[in-house]
Amino acid sequence: MFDWMVWTTPTAVFFVCIALMLIGMTVWEIRSPTVLRKGFLHMATTRGDRLFIGLLVAAYINLAFLGLGETFMDWFSLDEEPSVWISFVLSMLTLTWIMRKG
């Protein structure tokens, strides 16, 4: 059924992390309802808003990294494309930053 999909370890870890974040945010919201606050984003947001924005940014970081892999090989004179774990770490750090400071 899923033969058309290429589930690599980084892809599986990425989606497992998203699922765990959604479960964690649901439990957190039930235990402690969110309050609007304004951070560096130009609007007042709730935790859920920041998670949604952060997930979008994380997805774009990963897509950009995949799209620019060959370009990175040329720029940095690499023998092979850089590991997708780099984009995973960058996207999770960005997501954490948006959640905390956004």
C-alpha atoms as a PDB file:
ATOM      1  CA  MET A   1       0.000   0.000   0.000  1.00  0.00           C
ATOM      2  CA  PHE A   2       2.822   2.412   0.817  1.00  0.00           C
ATOM      3  CA  ASP A   3       5.288   1.146  -1.796  1.00  0.00           C
ATOM      4  CA  TRP A   4       5.244   4.487  -3.607  1.00  0.00           C
ATOM      5  CA  MET A   5       6.555   6.275  -0.491  1.00  0.00           C
ATOM      6  CA  VAL A   6      10.209   6.438   0.416  1.00  0.00           C
ATOM      7  CA  TRP A   7      10.224   6.358   4.207  1.00  0.00           C
ATOM      8  CA  THR A   8      13.783   7.074   5.181  1.00  0.00           C
ATOM      9  CA  THR A   9      14.763   7.260   8.832  1.00  0.00           C
ATOM     10  CA  PRO A  10      14.967  11.093   8.845  1.00  0.00           C
ATOM     11  CA  THR A  11      11.505  11.329   7.266  1.00  0.00           C
ATOM     12  CA  ALA A  12      10.019   8.970   9.836  1.00  0.00           C
ATOM     13  CA  VAL A  13      11.707  10.827  12.718  1.00  0.00           C
ATOM     14  CA  PHE A  14      10.403  14.154  11.386  1.00  0.00           C
ATOM     15  CA  PHE A  15       6.794  12.947  11.272  1.00  0.00           C
ATOM     16  CA  VAL A  16       7.053  11.174  14.644  1.00  0.00           C
ATOM     17  CA  CYS A  17       8.296  14.451  16.161  1.00  0.00           C
ATOM     18  CA  ILE A  18       5.339  16.317  14.660  1.00  0.00           C
ATOM     19  CA  ALA A  19       2.903  13.740  16.055  1.00  0.00           C
ATOM     20  CA  LEU A  20       4.520  13.923  19.502  1.00  0.00           C
ATOM     21  CA  MET A  21       4.370  17.731  19.417  1.00  0.00           C
ATOM     22  CA  LEU A  22       0.659  17.667  18.576  1.00  0.00           C
ATOM     23  CA  ILE A  23      -0.044  15.211  21.397  1.00  0.00           C
ATOM     24  CA  GLY A  24       2.054  17.262  23.816  1.00  0.00           C
ATOM     25  CA  MET A  25       0.375  20.519  22.810  1.00  0.00           C
ATOM     26  CA  THR A  26      -3.067  18.961  23.271  1.00  0.00           C
ATOM     27  CA  VAL A  27      -2.212  17.784  26.785  1.00  0.00           C
ATOM     28  CA  TRP A  28      -0.607  21.159  27.597  1.00  0.00           C
ATOM     29  CA  GLU A  29      -3.687  23.047  26.355  1.00  0.00           C
ATOM     30  CA  ILE A  30      -6.025  20.884  28.447  1.00  0.00           C
ATOM     31  CA  ARG A  31      -3.922  21.337  31.585  1.00  0.00           C
ATOM     32  CA  SER A  32      -3.119  25.022  31.068  1.00  0.00           C
ATOM     33  CA  PRO A  33      -5.251  27.033  28.618  1.00  0.00           C
ATOM     34  CA  THR A  34      -3.244  29.364  26.431  1.00  0.00           C
ATOM     35  CA  VAL A  35      -3.175  33.161  26.577  1.00  0.00           C
ATOM     36  CA  LEU A  36      -2.574  35.507  23.672  1.00  0.00           C
ATOM     37  CA  ARG A  37       0.858  37.103  23.725  1.00  0.00           C
ATOM     38  CA  LYS A  38       2.984  39.130  21.366  1.00  0.00           C
ATOM     39  CA  GLY A  39       6.592  38.208  20.665  1.00  0.00           C
ATOM     40  CA  PHE A  40       8.726  38.971  17.636  1.00  0.00           C
ATOM     41  CA  LEU A  41       5.861  37.979  15.328  1.00  0.00           C
ATOM     42  CA  HIS A  42       3.822  41.012  14.314  1.00  0.00           C
ATOM     43  CA  MET A  43       0.621  39.685  15.836  1.00  0.00           C
ATOM     44  CA  ALA A  44      -0.657  38.302  19.105  1.00  0.00           C
ATOM     45  CA  THR A  45      -0.478  34.494  18.988  1.00  0.00           C
ATOM     46  CA  THR A  46      -1.398  31.483  21.071  1.00  0.00           C
ATOM     47  CA  ARG A  47       0.781  28.400  21.511  1.00  0.00           C
ATOM     48  CA  GLY A  48      -1.168  26.658  18.771  1.00  0.00           C
ATOM     49  CA  ASP A  49      -0.643  29.573  16.374  1.00  0.00           C
ATOM     50  CA  ARG A  50       3.088  29.534  17.035  1.00  0.00           C
ATOM     51  CA  LEU A  51       3.218  25.751  16.573  1.00  0.00           C
ATOM     52  CA  PHE A  52       1.422  26.026  13.233  1.00  0.00           C
ATOM     53  CA  ILE A  53       3.694  28.834  12.032  1.00  0.00           C
ATOM     54  CA  GLY A  54       6.752  26.958  13.296  1.00  0.00           C
ATOM     55  CA  LEU A  55       5.736  23.748  11.529  1.00  0.00           C
ATOM     56  CA  LEU A  56       5.263  25.638   8.272  1.00  0.00           C
ATOM     57  CA  VAL A  57       8.697  27.217   8.607  1.00  0.00           C
ATOM     58  CA  ALA A  58      10.224  23.824   9.497  1.00  0.00           C
ATOM     59  CA  ALA A  59       8.680  22.261   6.391  1.00  0.00           C
ATOM     60  CA  TYR A  60       9.990  25.065   4.173  1.00  0.00           C
ATOM     61  CA  ILE A  61      13.488  24.719   5.676  1.00  0.00           C
ATOM     62  CA  ASN A  62      13.501  20.993   4.919  1.00  0.00           C
ATOM     63  CA  LEU A  63      12.169  21.494   1.383  1.00  0.00           C
ATOM     64  CA  ALA A  64      14.696  24.243   0.661  1.00  0.00           C
ATOM     65  CA  PHE A  65      17.519  22.073   1.994  1.00  0.00           C
ATOM     66  CA  LEU A  66      16.453  19.171  -0.231  1.00  0.00           C
ATOM     67  CA  GLY A  67      16.149  21.447  -3.237  1.00  0.00           C
ATOM     68  CA  LEU A  68      19.528  23.085  -2.680  1.00  0.00           C
ATOM     69  CA  GLY A  69      21.469  19.878  -1.936  1.00  0.00           C
ATOM     70  CA  GLU A  70      23.331  19.829  -5.253  1.00  0.00           C
ATOM     71  CA  THR A  71      24.011  23.553  -5.004  1.00  0.00           C
ATOM     72  CA  PHE A  72      25.550  23.018  -1.560  1.00  0.00           C
ATOM     73  CA  MET A  73      27.765  20.332  -3.093  1.00  0.00           C
ATOM     74  CA  ASP A  74      29.079  22.867  -5.613  1.00  0.00           C
ATOM     75  CA  TRP A  75      29.435  25.745  -3.145  1.00  0.00           C
ATOM     76  CA  PHE A  76      31.256  23.771  -0.474  1.00  0.00           C
ATOM     77  CA  SER A  77      33.077  21.291  -2.777  1.00  0.00           C
ATOM     78  CA  LEU A  78      31.426  18.277  -1.165  1.00  0.00           C
ATOM     79  CA  ASP A  79      31.644  14.726  -2.532  1.00  0.00           C
ATOM     80  CA  GLU A  80      27.965  14.041  -1.820  1.00  0.00           C
ATOM     81  CA  GLU A  81      24.849  15.965  -0.824  1.00  0.00           C
ATOM     82  CA  PRO A  82      24.763  17.063   2.819  1.00  0.00           C
ATOM     83  CA  SER A  83      22.771  14.911   5.223  1.00  0.00           C
ATOM     84  CA  VAL A  84      19.103  15.723   5.727  1.00  0.00           C
ATOM     85  CA  TRP A  85      19.776  15.466   9.461  1.00  0.00           C
ATOM     86  CA  ILE A  86      21.274  18.955   9.170  1.00  0.00           C
ATOM     87  CA  SER A  87      17.987  20.378   7.901  1.00  0.00           C
ATOM     88  CA  PHE A  88      16.086  18.399  10.540  1.00  0.00           C
ATOM     89  CA  VAL A  89      18.168  19.924  13.343  1.00  0.00           C
ATOM     90  CA  LEU A  90      17.891  23.416  11.819  1.00  0.00           C
ATOM     91  CA  SER A  91      14.124  23.121  11.437  1.00  0.00           C
ATOM     92  CA  MET A  92      13.627  21.855  15.010  1.00  0.00           C
ATOM     93  CA  LEU A  93      15.814  24.654  16.398  1.00  0.00           C
ATOM     94  CA  THR A  94      13.808  27.192  14.391  1.00  0.00           C
ATOM     95  CA  LEU A  95      10.539  25.677  15.575  1.00  0.00           C
ATOM     96  CA  THR A  96      11.726  25.845  19.193  1.00  0.00           C
ATOM     97  CA  TRP A  97      12.782  29.490  18.742  1.00  0.00           C
ATOM     98  CA  ILE A  98       9.386  30.417  17.263  1.00  0.00           C
ATOM     99  CA  MET A  99       7.558  28.613  20.074  1.00  0.00           C
ATOM    100  CA  ARG A 100       9.552  30.354  22.791  1.00  0.00           C
ATOM    101  CA  LYS A 101      10.075  33.865  21.403  1.00  0.00           C
ATOM    102  CA  GLY A 102       7.383  34.240  18.706  1.00  0.00           C
END
